[in-house]
C-alpha atoms as a PDB file:
ATOM      1  CA  UNK A   1     -26.301  -6.711 -22.312  1.00  0.00           C
ATOM      2  CA  UNK A   2     -23.271  -4.481 -22.731  1.00  0.00           C
ATOM      3  CA  UNK A   3     -23.326  -1.229 -20.817  1.00  0.00           C
ATOM      4  CA  UNK A   4     -22.919   2.179 -22.396  1.00  0.00           C
ATOM      5  CA  UNK A   5     -19.408   2.706 -23.704  1.00  0.00           C
ATOM      6  CA  UNK A   6     -17.386   5.228 -21.773  1.00  0.00           C
ATOM      7  CA  UNK A   7     -16.413   8.460 -23.431  1.00  0.00           C
ATOM      8  CA  UNK A   8     -12.721   9.149 -23.932  1.00  0.00           C
ATOM      9  CA  UNK A   9     -12.860  11.601 -21.022  1.00  0.00           C
ATOM     10  CA  UNK A  10     -14.425   8.974 -18.745  1.00  0.00           C
ATOM     11  CA  UNK A  11     -11.785   6.451 -19.788  1.00  0.00           C
ATOM     12  CA  UNK A  12      -9.072   8.995 -19.056  1.00  0.00           C
ATOM     13  CA  UNK A  13     -10.548   9.757 -15.637  1.00  0.00           C
ATOM     14  CA  UNK A  14     -10.873   6.063 -14.771  1.00  0.00           C
ATOM     15  CA  UNK A  15      -7.287   5.402 -15.812  1.00  0.00           C
ATOM     16  CA  UNK A  16      -6.100   8.409 -13.819  1.00  0.00           C
ATOM     17  CA  UNK A  17      -7.929   7.091 -10.774  1.00  0.00           C
ATOM     18  CA  UNK A  18      -6.111   3.770 -11.042  1.00  0.00           C
ATOM     19  CA  UNK A  19      -2.815   5.602 -11.571  1.00  0.00           C
ATOM     20  CA  UNK A  20      -3.353   7.691  -8.432  1.00  0.00           C
ATOM     21  CA  UNK A  21      -4.113   4.548  -6.447  1.00  0.00           C
ATOM     22  CA  UNK A  22      -0.934   2.992  -7.763  1.00  0.00           C
ATOM     23  CA  UNK A  23       1.071   6.048  -6.711  1.00  0.00           C
ATOM     24  CA  UNK A  24      -0.437   5.997  -3.217  1.00  0.00           C
ATOM     25  CA  UNK A  25       0.438   2.335  -2.812  1.00  0.00           C
ATOM     26  CA  UNK A  26       3.961   3.119  -3.981  1.00  0.00           C
ATOM     27  CA  UNK A  27       4.329   6.021  -1.554  1.00  0.00           C
ATOM     28  CA  UNK A  28       3.085   4.003   1.414  1.00  0.00           C
ATOM     29  CA  UNK A  29       5.331   1.086   0.453  1.00  0.00           C
ATOM     30  CA  UNK A  30       8.412   3.306   0.392  1.00  0.00           C
ATOM     31  CA  UNK A  31       7.555   4.810   3.788  1.00  0.00           C
ATOM     32  CA  UNK A  32       7.432   1.399   5.470  1.00  0.00           C
ATOM     33  CA  UNK A  33      10.358  -0.118   3.567  1.00  0.00           C
ATOM     34  CA  UNK A  34      13.180   1.618   5.398  1.00  0.00           C
ATOM     35  CA  UNK A  35      14.162   4.596   7.516  1.00  0.00           C
ATOM     36  CA  UNK A  36      13.477   8.034   6.047  1.00  0.00           C
ATOM     37  CA  UNK A  37      16.413   9.396   4.048  1.00  0.00           C
ATOM     38  CA  UNK A  38      17.425  12.965   3.242  1.00  0.00           C
ATOM     39  CA  UNK A  39      16.329  12.379  -0.357  1.00  0.00           C
ATOM     40  CA  UNK A  40      12.897  11.224   0.814  1.00  0.00           C
ATOM     41  CA  UNK A  41      12.510  14.382   2.913  1.00  0.00           C
ATOM     42  CA  UNK A  42      13.365  16.491  -0.142  1.00  0.00           C
ATOM     43  CA  UNK A  43      10.699  14.648  -2.121  1.00  0.00           C
ATOM     44  CA  UNK A  44       8.078  15.121   0.592  1.00  0.00           C
ATOM     45  CA  UNK A  45       8.909  18.831   0.802  1.00  0.00           C
ATOM     46  CA  UNK A  46       8.256  19.238  -2.930  1.00  0.00           C
ATOM     47  CA  UNK A  47       5.067  21.371  -3.311  1.00  0.00           C
ATOM     48  CA  UNK A  48       3.494  18.882  -5.750  1.00  0.00           C
ATOM     49  CA  UNK A  49       4.112  15.978  -3.365  1.00  0.00           C
ATOM     50  CA  UNK A  50       2.848  18.008  -0.421  1.00  0.00           C
ATOM     51  CA  UNK A  51      -0.393  18.636  -2.266  1.00  0.00           C
ATOM     52  CA  UNK A  52      -0.946  14.911  -2.858  1.00  0.00           C
ATOM     53  CA  UNK A  53      -0.102  14.115   0.760  1.00  0.00           C
ATOM     54  CA  UNK A  54      -2.494  16.806   1.943  1.00  0.00           C
ATOM     55  CA  UNK A  55      -5.273  15.197  -0.109  1.00  0.00           C
ATOM     56  CA  UNK A  56      -4.425  11.919   1.648  1.00  0.00           C
ATOM     57  CA  UNK A  57      -4.726  13.618   5.021  1.00  0.00           C
ATOM     58  CA  UNK A  58      -1.008  13.880   5.708  1.00  0.00           C
ATOM     59  CA  UNK A  59       0.509  17.205   6.749  1.00  0.00           C
ATOM     60  CA  UNK A  60       4.076  16.770   7.895  1.00  0.00           C
ATOM     61  CA  UNK A  61       5.050  20.036   9.539  1.00  0.00           C
ATOM     62  CA  UNK A  62       8.045  18.357  11.155  1.00  0.00           C
ATOM     63  CA  UNK A  63       9.831  18.340   7.803  1.00  0.00           C
ATOM     64  CA  UNK A  64      10.001  22.133   7.835  1.00  0.00           C
ATOM     65  CA  UNK A  65      12.222  22.230  10.911  1.00  0.00           C
ATOM     66  CA  UNK A  66      15.711  23.555  10.317  1.00  0.00           C
ATOM     67  CA  UNK A  67      17.840  20.783  11.811  1.00  0.00           C
ATOM     68  CA  UNK A  68      17.313  18.087   9.180  1.00  0.00           C
ATOM     69  CA  UNK A  69      20.163  15.946  10.492  1.00  0.00           C
ATOM     70  CA  UNK A  70      18.556  15.746  13.912  1.00  0.00           C
ATOM     71  CA  UNK A  71      15.201  14.991  12.305  1.00  0.00           C
ATOM     72  CA  UNK A  72      16.694  12.144  10.271  1.00  0.00           C
ATOM     73  CA  UNK A  73      18.290  10.710  13.390  1.00  0.00           C
ATOM     74  CA  UNK A  74      15.047  10.946  15.385  1.00  0.00           C
ATOM     75  CA  UNK A  75      13.031   9.293  12.625  1.00  0.00           C
ATOM     76  CA  UNK A  76      15.612   6.521  12.187  1.00  0.00           C
ATOM     77  CA  UNK A  77      15.493   5.778  15.906  1.00  0.00           C
ATOM     78  CA  UNK A  78      11.690   5.769  15.818  1.00  0.00           C
ATOM     79  CA  UNK A  79      11.593   3.454  12.804  1.00  0.00           C
ATOM     80  CA  UNK A  80      13.941   0.994  14.491  1.00  0.00           C
ATOM     81  CA  UNK A  81      12.056   1.168  17.779  1.00  0.00           C
ATOM     82  CA  UNK A  82       8.702   0.549  16.111  1.00  0.00           C
ATOM     83  CA  UNK A  83       9.578  -2.025  13.459  1.00  0.00           C
ATOM     84  CA  UNK A  84      12.988  -3.585  14.035  1.00  0.00           C
ATOM     85  CA  UNK A  85      13.765  -3.900  17.724  1.00  0.00           C
ATOM     86  CA  UNK A  86      15.927  -5.383  19.255  1.00  0.00           C
ATOM     87  CA  UNK A  87      13.427  -4.799  22.060  1.00  0.00           C
ATOM     88  CA  UNK A  88       9.713  -5.498  21.720  1.00  0.00           C
ATOM     89  CA  UNK A  89       8.505  -4.032  18.433  1.00  0.00           C
ATOM     90  CA  UNK A  90       5.657  -4.195  15.884  1.00  0.00           C
ATOM     91  CA  UNK A  91       6.745  -6.611  13.193  1.00  0.00           C
ATOM     92  CA  UNK A  92       5.678  -5.298   9.740  1.00  0.00           C
ATOM     93  CA  UNK A  93       4.832  -8.813   8.512  1.00  0.00           C
ATOM     94  CA  UNK A  94       1.384 -10.231   7.817  1.00  0.00           C
ATOM     95  CA  UNK A  95       2.103 -13.619   9.407  1.00  0.00           C
ATOM     96  CA  UNK A  96       2.447 -11.948  12.806  1.00  0.00           C
ATOM     97  CA  UNK A  97      -0.922 -10.156  12.759  1.00  0.00           C
ATOM     98  CA  UNK A  98      -3.263 -12.107  10.433  1.00  0.00           C
ATOM     99  CA  UNK A  99      -5.266 -14.322  12.782  1.00  0.00           C
ATOM    100  CA  UNK A 100      -5.875 -17.363  10.606  1.00  0.00           C
ATOM    101  CA  UNK A 101      -8.492 -20.003  11.336  1.00  0.00           C
ATOM    102  CA  UNK A 102      -5.852 -22.750  11.077  1.00  0.00           C
ATOM    103  CA  UNK A 103      -3.848 -21.150  13.891  1.00  0.00           C
ATOM    104  CA  UNK A 104      -0.732 -20.787  11.744  1.00  0.00           C
ATOM    105  CA  UNK A 105       0.056 -17.187  12.648  1.00  0.00           C
ATOM    106  CA  UNK A 106       2.002 -15.164  15.195  1.00  0.00           C
ATOM    107  CA  UNK A 107       5.462 -16.157  13.940  1.00  0.00           C
ATOM    108  CA  UNK A 108       7.537 -15.300  10.889  1.00  0.00           C
ATOM    109  CA  UNK A 109       7.226 -17.528   7.828  1.00  0.00           C
ATOM    110  CA  UNK A 110       3.753 -18.599   8.885  1.00  0.00           C
ATOM    111  CA  UNK A 111       0.928 -19.668   6.620  1.00  0.00           C
ATOM    112  CA  UNK A 112       0.261 -16.135   5.381  1.00  0.00           C
ATOM    113  CA  UNK A 113       3.875 -15.705   4.293  1.00  0.00           C
ATOM    114  CA  UNK A 114       3.644 -18.793   2.110  1.00  0.00           C
ATOM    115  CA  UNK A 115       0.240 -17.788   0.748  1.00  0.00           C
ATOM    116  CA  UNK A 116       1.429 -14.295  -0.214  1.00  0.00           C
ATOM    117  CA  UNK A 117       4.506 -15.686  -1.952  1.00  0.00           C
ATOM    118  CA  UNK A 118       2.394 -18.124  -3.968  1.00  0.00           C
ATOM    119  CA  UNK A 119      -0.228 -15.480  -4.778  1.00  0.00           C
ATOM    120  CA  UNK A 120       2.258 -12.978  -6.162  1.00  0.00           C
ATOM    121  CA  UNK A 121       4.196 -15.569  -8.123  1.00  0.00           C
ATOM    122  CA  UNK A 122       1.050 -16.999  -9.758  1.00  0.00           C
ATOM    123  CA  UNK A 123       0.095 -13.542 -11.068  1.00  0.00           C
ATOM    124  CA  UNK A 124       3.251 -13.433 -13.157  1.00  0.00           C
ATOM    125  CA  UNK A 125       4.705 -10.536 -11.156  1.00  0.00           C
ATOM    126  CA  UNK A 126       8.107 -10.787  -9.518  1.00  0.00           C
ATOM    127  CA  UNK A 127       9.757  -9.192  -6.519  1.00  0.00           C
ATOM    128  CA  UNK A 128      12.256  -6.465  -7.257  1.00  0.00           C
ATOM    129  CA  UNK A 129      15.692  -7.944  -7.762  1.00  0.00           C
ATOM    130  CA  UNK A 130      17.148  -5.980  -4.861  1.00  0.00           C
ATOM    131  CA  UNK A 131      14.418  -7.080  -2.451  1.00  0.00           C
ATOM    132  CA  UNK A 132      15.698  -9.648   0.047  1.00  0.00           C
ATOM    133  CA  UNK A 133      13.006  -9.440   2.739  1.00  0.00           C
ATOM    134  CA  UNK A 134      10.114 -11.762   3.473  1.00  0.00           C
ATOM    135  CA  UNK A 135       7.204 -11.832   0.997  1.00  0.00           C
ATOM    136  CA  UNK A 136       4.642 -10.668   3.554  1.00  0.00           C
ATOM    137  CA  UNK A 137       6.470  -7.496   4.637  1.00  0.00           C
ATOM    138  CA  UNK A 138       4.014  -4.611   4.374  1.00  0.00           C
ATOM    139  CA  UNK A 139       6.232  -2.791   1.874  1.00  0.00           C
ATOM    140  CA  UNK A 140       6.291  -5.858  -0.420  1.00  0.00           C
ATOM    141  CA  UNK A 141       2.516  -6.301  -0.271  1.00  0.00           C
ATOM    142  CA  UNK A 142       1.857  -2.614  -0.946  1.00  0.00           C
ATOM    143  CA  UNK A 143       4.374  -2.632  -3.796  1.00  0.00           C
ATOM    144  CA  UNK A 144       2.552  -5.588  -5.341  1.00  0.00           C
ATOM    145  CA  UNK A 145      -0.644  -3.516  -5.262  1.00  0.00           C
ATOM    146  CA  UNK A 146       1.236  -0.571  -6.781  1.00  0.00           C
ATOM    147  CA  UNK A 147       2.217  -2.736  -9.731  1.00  0.00           C
ATOM    148  CA  UNK A 148      -1.260  -4.269 -10.076  1.00  0.00           C
ATOM    149  CA  UNK A 149      -3.008  -0.880 -10.039  1.00  0.00           C
ATOM    150  CA  UNK A 150      -0.432   0.466 -12.488  1.00  0.00           C
ATOM    151  CA  UNK A 151      -1.175  -2.374 -14.903  1.00  0.00           C
ATOM    152  CA  UNK A 152      -4.876  -1.727 -14.421  1.00  0.00           C
ATOM    153  CA  UNK A 153      -4.366   1.922 -15.394  1.00  0.00           C
ATOM    154  CA  UNK A 154      -2.443   0.926 -18.526  1.00  0.00           C
ATOM    155  CA  UNK A 155      -5.142  -1.568 -19.549  1.00  0.00           C
ATOM    156  CA  UNK A 156      -7.853   1.077 -19.114  1.00  0.00           C
ATOM    157  CA  UNK A 157      -5.885   3.577 -21.196  1.00  0.00           C
ATOM    158  CA  UNK A 158      -5.698   0.967 -23.957  1.00  0.00           C
ATOM    159  CA  UNK A 159      -9.417   0.134 -23.472  1.00  0.00           C
ATOM    160  CA  UNK A 160      -8.382  -3.426 -22.746  1.00  0.00           C
ATOM    161  CA  UNK A 161     -11.371  -3.974 -20.474  1.00  0.00           C
ATOM    162  CA  UNK A 162     -10.774  -7.682 -19.956  1.00  0.00           C
ATOM    163  CA  UNK A 163      -7.219  -6.924 -18.888  1.00  0.00           C
ATOM    164  CA  UNK A 164      -8.396  -4.170 -16.569  1.00  0.00           C
ATOM    165  CA  UNK A 165     -11.017  -6.473 -15.064  1.00  0.00           C
ATOM    166  CA  UNK A 166      -8.411  -9.175 -14.484  1.00  0.00           C
ATOM    167  CA  UNK A 167      -6.241  -6.693 -12.592  1.00  0.00           C
ATOM    168  CA  UNK A 168      -9.148  -5.438 -10.506  1.00  0.00           C
ATOM    169  CA  UNK A 169     -10.283  -8.937  -9.545  1.00  0.00           C
ATOM    170  CA  UNK A 170      -6.692  -9.799  -8.646  1.00  0.00           C
ATOM    171  CA  UNK A 171      -6.502  -6.680  -6.471  1.00  0.00           C
ATOM    172  CA  UNK A 172      -9.817  -7.530  -4.799  1.00  0.00           C
ATOM    173  CA  UNK A 173      -8.664 -11.041  -3.959  1.00  0.00           C
ATOM    174  CA  UNK A 174      -5.430  -9.744  -2.449  1.00  0.00           C
ATOM    175  CA  UNK A 175      -7.233  -7.033  -0.473  1.00  0.00           C
ATOM    176  CA  UNK A 176      -9.855  -9.442   0.851  1.00  0.00           C
ATOM    177  CA  UNK A 177      -7.507 -12.337   1.628  1.00  0.00           C
ATOM    178  CA  UNK A 178      -4.535 -10.350   2.900  1.00  0.00           C
ATOM    179  CA  UNK A 179      -4.437  -6.564   3.279  1.00  0.00           C
ATOM    180  CA  UNK A 180      -7.735  -6.068   5.127  1.00  0.00           C
ATOM    181  CA  UNK A 181      -6.987  -9.068   7.353  1.00  0.00           C
ATOM    182  CA  UNK A 182      -4.033  -7.449   9.083  1.00  0.00           C
ATOM    183  CA  UNK A 183      -3.055  -3.934   8.027  1.00  0.00           C
ATOM    184  CA  UNK A 184      -5.774  -2.106  10.039  1.00  0.00           C
ATOM    185  CA  UNK A 185      -4.713  -4.033  13.169  1.00  0.00           C
ATOM    186  CA  UNK A 186      -1.045  -3.364  12.432  1.00  0.00           C
ATOM    187  CA  UNK A 187      -1.752   0.350  11.967  1.00  0.00           C
ATOM    188  CA  UNK A 188      -3.713   0.572  15.231  1.00  0.00           C
ATOM    189  CA  UNK A 189      -0.677  -0.787  17.065  1.00  0.00           C
ATOM    190  CA  UNK A 190       1.559   1.845  15.452  1.00  0.00           C
ATOM    191  CA  UNK A 191      -0.869   4.637  16.326  1.00  0.00           C
ATOM    192  CA  UNK A 192      -0.923   3.554  19.961  1.00  0.00           C
ATOM    193  CA  UNK A 193       2.865   3.269  20.259  1.00  0.00           C
ATOM    194  CA  UNK A 194       4.257   6.018  18.006  1.00  0.00           C
ATOM    195  CA  UNK A 195       6.169   8.736  19.822  1.00  0.00           C
ATOM    196  CA  UNK A 196       6.718  10.902  16.734  1.00  0.00           C
ATOM    197  CA  UNK A 197       3.651  12.080  14.833  1.00  0.00           C
ATOM    198  CA  UNK A 198       5.101  11.040  11.466  1.00  0.00           C
ATOM    199  CA  UNK A 199       4.527   7.325  11.908  1.00  0.00           C
ATOM    200  CA  UNK A 200       1.242   7.721  13.735  1.00  0.00           C
ATOM    201  CA  UNK A 201      -0.107   9.836  10.873  1.00  0.00           C
ATOM    202  CA  UNK A 202       1.307   7.421   8.303  1.00  0.00           C
ATOM    203  CA  UNK A 203      -0.435   4.499  10.002  1.00  0.00           C
ATOM    204  CA  UNK A 204      -3.730   6.388  10.206  1.00  0.00           C
ATOM    205  CA  UNK A 205      -3.692   7.215   6.496  1.00  0.00           C
ATOM    206  CA  UNK A 206      -2.640   3.673   5.558  1.00  0.00           C
ATOM    207  CA  UNK A 207      -5.509   2.171   7.547  1.00  0.00           C
ATOM    208  CA  UNK A 208      -8.038   4.573   6.005  1.00  0.00           C
ATOM    209  CA  UNK A 209      -6.749   3.947   2.474  1.00  0.00           C
ATOM    210  CA  UNK A 210      -6.852   0.149   2.746  1.00  0.00           C
ATOM    211  CA  UNK A 211     -10.330   0.305   4.275  1.00  0.00           C
ATOM    212  CA  UNK A 212     -11.496   2.558   1.438  1.00  0.00           C
ATOM    213  CA  UNK A 213     -10.038   0.186  -1.138  1.00  0.00           C
ATOM    214  CA  UNK A 214     -11.899  -2.686   0.523  1.00  0.00           C
ATOM    215  CA  UNK A 215     -15.165  -0.743   0.436  1.00  0.00           C
ATOM    216  CA  UNK A 216     -14.917   0.533  -3.146  1.00  0.00           C
ATOM    217  CA  UNK A 217     -13.319  -2.278  -5.144  1.00  0.00           C
ATOM    218  CA  UNK A 218     -16.660  -3.960  -5.957  1.00  0.00           C
ATOM    219  CA  UNK A 219     -18.047  -0.741  -7.436  1.00  0.00           C
ATOM    220  CA  UNK A 220     -14.901  -0.340  -9.510  1.00  0.00           C
ATOM    221  CA  UNK A 221     -15.207  -3.906 -10.811  1.00  0.00           C
ATOM    222  CA  UNK A 222     -18.888  -3.436 -11.623  1.00  0.00           C
ATOM    223  CA  UNK A 223     -18.135  -0.376 -13.759  1.00  0.00           C
ATOM    224  CA  UNK A 224     -15.502  -2.286 -15.715  1.00  0.00           C
ATOM    225  CA  UNK A 225     -17.759  -5.301 -16.189  1.00  0.00           C
ATOM    226  CA  UNK A 226     -20.211  -2.960 -17.867  1.00  0.00           C
ATOM    227  CA  UNK A 227     -17.624  -2.401 -20.587  1.00  0.00           C
ATOM    228  CA  UNK A 228     -16.863  -6.108 -21.030  1.00  0.00           C
ATOM    229  CA  UNK A 229     -20.344  -7.655 -21.044  1.00  0.00           C
END
């Protein structure tokens, strides 16, 4: 039996929720993609952005310091130390951290890399033209979720419940098979090794957000199924 149709306000709120999730995925993706730039600092210092970050549990007081050039240099060094090397670092790739039952993990271009590439390509989504990294880089996986949640929001706005449900089930599969399998572990390593609070806080929020997504996706799907059945 079909559930009670949502009011226009409820539809709007549900779409807005998906849009916010998409924006959070996009923000987190951009933070892990490359070193912080002066433009990114200006964006984070915007009052509207600060409010969203505060709601996510992020309060970056370091961005208020006067010597922005020194801050950029410190953050660039920290990013390289944590994620790039050349010394021992925390590789931001799923294949390194996702402990698979078949043992094909711990090196780049492992089984998870191939699986992520196939998963994204079969959904009909494509990597950004300028992206040249590996498919299982955390920024690529989070950007995929940004796009999926954005399409979910659009489908909800159009009351295309089957389309919205497809997006949600696709998101659930990716969360269950990939994100939750390695991102919390990856974030714990960052938290333990970060020397500047920025990346430790970023990792903490990322872990909490992915865990929350894992815990709430079934409820979200159930609500949408009530509009389809």
